[in-house]
Protein backbone atom coordinates (compact mmCIF):
# COMPACT_ATOMS: atom_id res chain seq x y z
CA MET A 1 -6.48 22.46 14.58
CA LYS A 2 -3.57 21.28 12.43
CA PRO A 3 -4.06 17.68 11.27
CA SER A 4 -1.57 15.01 12.30
CA ARG A 5 0.76 13.96 9.52
CA PHE A 6 1.12 10.41 8.33
CA ILE A 7 3.88 11.13 5.83
CA GLU A 8 6.00 14.28 5.39
CA ILE A 9 8.73 14.21 2.76
CA GLU A 10 10.77 17.37 2.10
CA ARG A 11 13.16 17.61 -0.84
CA ALA A 12 14.27 13.98 -0.80
CA THR A 13 16.75 12.85 -3.43
CA VAL A 14 16.89 9.07 -3.65
CA TYR A 15 19.13 6.80 -5.70
CA ARG A 16 18.79 3.12 -6.54
CA GLY A 17 22.31 2.16 -7.53
CA ASP A 18 23.50 4.82 -9.98
CA THR A 19 19.96 5.84 -10.95
CA CYS A 20 18.38 8.94 -9.42
CA VAL A 21 14.76 7.91 -8.82
CA PHE A 22 13.61 11.02 -6.93
CA ASN A 23 15.12 14.48 -7.25
CA GLU A 24 13.98 16.65 -4.31
CA LEU A 25 10.64 14.87 -3.90
CA SER A 26 8.22 16.63 -1.53
CA LEU A 27 4.77 15.47 -0.41
CA THR A 28 2.60 15.25 2.69
CA ILE A 29 -0.30 12.96 3.58
CA ASP A 30 -2.39 13.56 6.70
CA GLU A 31 -3.58 10.84 9.03
CA GLY A 32 -7.16 9.88 8.22
CA THR A 33 -6.65 10.64 4.52
CA HIS A 34 -7.38 8.06 1.83
CA ALA A 35 -4.96 8.65 -1.04
CA ALA A 36 -3.73 6.87 -4.16
CA ILE A 37 -0.34 7.23 -5.79
CA LEU A 38 -0.90 6.32 -9.43
CA GLY A 39 1.85 5.87 -11.97
CA PRO A 40 3.23 3.62 -14.72
CA ASN A 41 6.04 1.13 -14.27
CA GLY A 42 9.29 2.97 -13.67
CA ALA A 43 7.56 5.93 -12.02
CA GLY A 44 9.26 5.32 -8.66
CA LYS A 45 6.42 3.58 -6.82
CA SER A 46 8.53 0.67 -5.55
CA THR A 47 11.25 3.04 -4.36
CA PHE A 48 8.63 5.12 -2.55
CA LEU A 49 7.45 2.00 -0.70
CA LYS A 50 11.02 1.09 0.23
CA LEU A 51 11.50 4.65 1.50
CA LEU A 52 8.54 4.21 3.86
CA ALA A 53 9.83 0.82 4.99
CA GLY A 54 13.28 2.25 5.73
CA GLU A 55 14.91 0.00 3.12
CA VAL A 56 16.33 2.94 1.12
CA HIS A 57 17.35 6.40 2.33
CA PRO A 58 17.62 9.85 0.76
CA VAL A 59 20.93 11.59 0.10
CA PRO A 60 21.77 13.50 3.32
CA HIS A 61 21.11 17.23 3.01
CA ASP A 62 20.23 20.02 5.43
CA GLU A 63 16.94 20.71 3.61
CA THR A 64 15.93 17.04 3.35
CA SER A 65 13.65 15.38 5.88
CA ILE A 66 11.33 12.38 6.05
CA ARG A 67 8.82 12.04 8.87
CA LEU A 68 6.40 9.21 9.57
CA PHE A 69 3.67 9.92 12.11
CA GLY A 70 5.50 13.16 12.93
CA GLU A 71 8.79 11.45 13.81
CA GLU A 72 11.95 12.13 11.81
CA GLN A 73 14.20 9.76 13.72
CA TRP A 74 11.69 6.97 14.08
CA ASN A 75 12.12 3.60 15.65
CA VAL A 76 11.39 1.09 12.91
CA TRP A 77 9.49 -1.17 15.33
CA ASP A 78 7.32 1.69 16.56
CA VAL A 79 6.45 2.55 12.95
CA ARG A 80 5.68 -1.06 12.11
CA ARG A 81 3.21 -1.17 14.98
CA ARG A 82 1.32 1.77 13.47
CA LEU A 83 1.75 0.86 9.80
CA GLY A 84 0.40 -2.16 7.92
CA LEU A 85 2.17 -2.76 4.61
CA VAL A 86 1.17 -5.26 1.90
CA SER A 87 3.60 -5.35 -1.02
CA HIS A 88 4.47 -7.54 -3.99
CA ASP A 89 7.99 -7.98 -2.64
CA LEU A 90 6.53 -9.41 0.56
CA GLN A 91 4.37 -11.91 -1.31
CA HIS A 92 7.30 -13.12 -3.40
CA GLN A 93 9.64 -13.37 -0.39
CA TYR A 94 7.25 -15.27 1.84
CA LEU A 95 8.22 -18.72 3.07
CA GLU A 96 6.25 -21.38 1.19
CA GLN A 97 5.85 -23.81 4.09
CA VAL A 98 4.38 -21.28 6.57
CA THR A 99 0.71 -21.88 7.36
CA GLY A 100 -2.01 -19.26 7.10
CA LEU A 101 -2.26 -18.66 10.85
CA LYS A 102 1.50 -18.19 11.15
CA VAL A 103 1.47 -15.75 8.22
CA VAL A 104 -1.01 -13.59 10.11
CA LEU A 105 0.79 -13.97 13.45
CA SER A 106 4.08 -12.84 11.85
CA GLY A 107 2.56 -9.37 11.61
CA TYR A 108 3.24 -8.87 15.32
CA TYR A 109 6.99 -9.05 14.63
CA ALA A 110 6.96 -7.78 11.01
CA SER A 111 8.90 -10.94 10.16
CA ILE A 112 8.79 -13.30 7.18
CA GLY A 113 7.27 -16.30 8.95
CA ILE A 114 7.61 -16.92 12.67
CA TYR A 115 10.50 -18.34 14.68
CA GLY A 116 11.08 -20.26 17.88
CA HIS A 117 12.19 -17.24 19.91
CA GLN A 118 8.95 -15.38 19.13
CA ASP A 119 6.25 -15.72 21.77
CA PHE A 120 2.55 -15.02 21.28
CA THR A 121 -0.04 -14.45 23.97
CA TYR A 122 -3.42 -16.11 24.02
CA ALA A 123 -4.93 -12.71 23.16
CA GLN A 124 -2.67 -12.34 20.11
CA ILE A 125 -3.51 -15.81 18.83
CA SER A 126 -7.22 -15.15 19.36
CA ARG A 127 -6.89 -11.85 17.52
CA ALA A 128 -5.18 -13.61 14.58
CA HIS A 129 -8.04 -16.12 14.35
CA ALA A 130 -10.60 -13.30 14.53
CA VAL A 131 -8.89 -11.36 11.73
CA MET A 132 -8.81 -14.45 9.53
CA GLU A 133 -12.53 -15.02 10.09
CA GLU A 134 -13.24 -11.36 9.33
CA LEU A 135 -11.32 -11.67 6.05
CA GLY A 136 -13.07 -14.91 5.16
CA ILE A 137 -9.92 -17.03 5.37
CA GLY A 138 -10.50 -19.00 8.56
CA TYR A 139 -10.25 -22.17 6.47
CA LEU A 140 -6.62 -21.31 5.64
CA THR A 141 -5.41 -21.62 9.25
CA ASP A 142 -3.39 -24.79 8.60
CA ARG A 143 -2.84 -24.49 4.84
CA ARG A 144 0.70 -23.86 3.56
CA PHE A 145 1.33 -20.53 1.82
CA ALA A 146 2.59 -22.40 -1.27
CA ASP A 147 -0.72 -24.28 -1.56
CA MET A 148 -2.88 -21.14 -1.56
CA SER A 149 -4.22 -19.27 -4.58
CA THR A 150 -2.85 -15.79 -5.28
CA GLY A 151 -6.01 -14.27 -3.80
CA GLU A 152 -5.76 -16.38 -0.66
CA GLN A 153 -2.11 -15.42 -0.22
CA ARG A 154 -3.03 -11.75 -0.63
CA ARG A 155 -5.76 -11.97 2.01
CA CYS A 156 -3.40 -13.72 4.45
CA LEU A 157 -0.88 -10.92 3.96
CA LEU A 158 -3.67 -8.39 4.52
CA GLY A 159 -4.43 -10.21 7.77
CA ARG A 160 -0.74 -9.97 8.65
CA ALA A 161 -0.92 -6.20 8.09
CA LEU A 162 -4.11 -5.80 10.14
CA VAL A 163 -3.49 -8.15 13.07
CA HIS A 164 -1.69 -5.54 15.20
CA GLU A 165 -4.45 -2.98 14.50
CA PRO A 166 -2.39 -0.32 12.67
CA THR A 167 -3.62 3.22 12.21
CA ALA A 168 -2.48 3.28 8.57
CA LEU A 169 -2.50 0.71 5.78
CA VAL A 170 -0.28 0.89 2.67
CA LEU A 171 -1.22 -1.32 -0.27
CA ASP A 172 0.94 -2.09 -3.31
CA GLU A 173 -1.22 -2.96 -6.36
CA PRO A 174 -3.44 -5.12 -4.16
CA THR A 175 -5.53 -6.82 -6.87
CA SER A 176 -2.77 -7.58 -9.38
CA GLY A 177 -3.09 -11.23 -10.47
CA LEU A 178 -6.54 -11.71 -8.92
CA ASP A 179 -9.61 -12.83 -10.85
CA LEU A 180 -12.75 -10.67 -10.89
CA THR A 181 -14.43 -12.24 -7.87
CA ALA A 182 -11.27 -12.08 -5.76
CA THR A 183 -10.67 -8.48 -6.90
CA PHE A 184 -14.15 -7.35 -5.86
CA HIS A 185 -13.87 -9.15 -2.52
CA TYR A 186 -10.47 -7.67 -1.75
CA LEU A 187 -11.59 -4.14 -2.61
CA ASP A 188 -14.64 -4.59 -0.36
CA LEU A 189 -12.27 -5.48 2.50
CA VAL A 190 -10.21 -2.36 1.85
CA ARG A 191 -13.31 -0.18 1.73
CA GLY A 192 -14.38 -1.59 5.08
CA PHE A 193 -11.04 -0.59 6.58
CA MET A 194 -11.44 2.93 5.16
CA LYS A 195 -14.93 3.28 6.60
CA LYS A 196 -13.47 2.64 10.06
CA GLY A 197 -11.60 5.95 9.72
CA LYS A 198 -8.16 4.44 9.19
CA THR A 199 -5.57 5.97 6.87
CA VAL A 200 -5.23 4.09 3.57
CA LEU A 201 -2.50 4.73 0.99
CA LEU A 202 -2.80 2.85 -2.30
CA VAL A 203 0.24 2.65 -4.61
CA THR A 204 -0.70 1.32 -8.04
CA HIS A 205 -0.86 1.62 -11.81
CA HIS A 206 -4.38 0.13 -11.87
CA ILE A 207 -7.03 2.86 -11.97
CA HIS A 208 -9.81 0.36 -11.23
CA GLU A 209 -8.31 -0.27 -7.78
CA ILE A 210 -9.13 3.25 -6.54
CA PRO A 211 -12.26 2.95 -4.34
CA PRO A 212 -15.02 5.59 -4.42
CA GLU A 213 -14.12 6.64 -0.85
CA MET A 214 -10.55 7.56 -1.87
CA GLU A 215 -10.64 11.33 -2.29
CA ARG A 216 -7.04 12.24 -3.17
CA VAL A 217 -4.89 11.09 -6.09
CA LEU A 218 -1.22 11.83 -6.82
CA LEU A 219 0.09 11.14 -10.33
CA LEU A 220 3.73 9.99 -10.28
CA LYS A 221 5.89 9.78 -13.41
CA GLU A 222 9.66 9.39 -13.65
CA GLY A 223 10.07 10.33 -10.00
CA ARG A 224 8.02 13.54 -10.22
CA VAL A 225 4.53 14.36 -8.96
CA LEU A 226 2.66 15.58 -12.04
CA GLN A 227 -0.66 16.25 -10.30
CA ASP A 228 -1.89 16.07 -6.72
CA GLY A 229 -5.39 16.83 -5.56
CA ASP A 230 -9.05 15.91 -5.56
CA LYS A 231 -9.70 12.69 -7.45
CA ALA A 232 -12.36 14.19 -9.71
CA LEU A 233 -9.98 16.96 -10.80
CA VAL A 234 -6.87 14.79 -11.18
CA LEU A 235 -8.35 11.73 -12.92
CA THR A 236 -9.03 13.26 -16.33
CA GLU A 237 -8.40 11.84 -19.78
CA ALA A 238 -5.80 14.53 -20.50
CA ASN A 239 -3.88 13.88 -17.27
CA LEU A 240 -3.96 10.10 -17.67
CA SER A 241 -2.91 10.26 -21.31
CA LEU A 242 0.09 12.35 -20.25
CA LEU A 243 0.85 10.07 -17.31
CA PHE A 244 0.84 6.81 -19.28
CA GLY A 245 2.08 8.23 -22.59
CA CYS A 246 -0.84 6.94 -24.64
CA PRO A 247 -4.38 8.11 -25.47
CA VAL A 248 -6.76 7.24 -22.62
CA VAL A 249 -10.55 7.35 -22.45
CA LEU A 250 -12.00 7.38 -18.95
CA ALA A 251 -15.16 5.51 -17.93
CA GLN A 252 -16.96 6.06 -14.61
CA ALA A 253 -19.66 4.11 -12.77
CA ASN A 254 -20.81 4.23 -9.14
CA GLY A 255 -17.73 6.17 -8.07
CA TRP A 256 -15.29 3.79 -9.76
CA TYR A 257 -13.00 4.72 -12.66
CA GLN A 258 -11.65 2.61 -15.52
CA ALA A 259 -9.21 3.47 -18.28
CA LEU A 260 -10.01 2.45 -21.85
CA PRO A 261 -7.84 2.80 -24.96
CA GLY A 262 -8.27 6.06 -26.80
CA HIS A 263 -7.41 6.85 -30.40
CA SER A 264 -4.51 8.87 -31.73
CA ALA A 265 -5.48 12.03 -33.58
C-alpha cells in the first residue's frame, strides 16, 4: 500500500526578492515519517518553512507542483488544522501582552493572539488547559508572553501548535536560545509526540536537536539537497564538513549526535 504523503514538492523554483533560493527543488516526506532538514544559515530553511505556510510561492511552471497532505490546491485553514508549526518568526511576532492560555487558544484560529470575534467552546478551553498541564506550563495560564522566559514562550507556542491535535508538527530550531535543562525538557516533549505516531519535521542547523527516533535526515545547502536518507548514513563527518564548510568531528551517545570542531589537514 502506497504511503500517504505529507509533503510533495516537484521542481519548485522559489525567489525571495531577486534572489533564487531554490532552483527546481524536489522532495517528498510521507506521513508518519520523522525527518530533519539540516543546513547552515543561508541554506534556504526559512524559505522552505514559508513555502509550507503558503507565505511564498514557486514560479509557475507546468512541471512544478507542491502538495500538502495530497492536496495541490489546498485550503490554508484545512492545512492549518492538520499542521502544527512552531517557528522563530512566530515567536518574534507574538503579541507581548497576550497571556499563556490565550497563546495556546490562538492555535485554533492560527492567529497571533486572540480577538473579540473569535469564539471558543468549553471543550476547546478545557483542551487548552489540558495541553498546558501536559507541557508543564499550567502556571503560565495568566502570565503575559513578555514576562515569560524564552523556554516558557517556546513551550506556549508548542501548546498553540498542539491544541488542535494536528497530524504533523513542524519545528524550526526548537531549542535555540534555551539553557540545558530547558533544551532537554523540550526535546523530551518532542520525542513524546513522535512516539504517538505523529509526523514530525525538524528544520535546524543544530545537530544536537535531532532525536534518536528521527530516522531520516536531509542536508540542505544553498538551496540544494546534498544528501537525503537514513540518519546513520547521512550524518557522517565527511558530509557535515562539506555541508558547513569546515572540518567537523562527530560524537555519538545514546542515539544522539553532536558536532565538534575538527582540524584542518
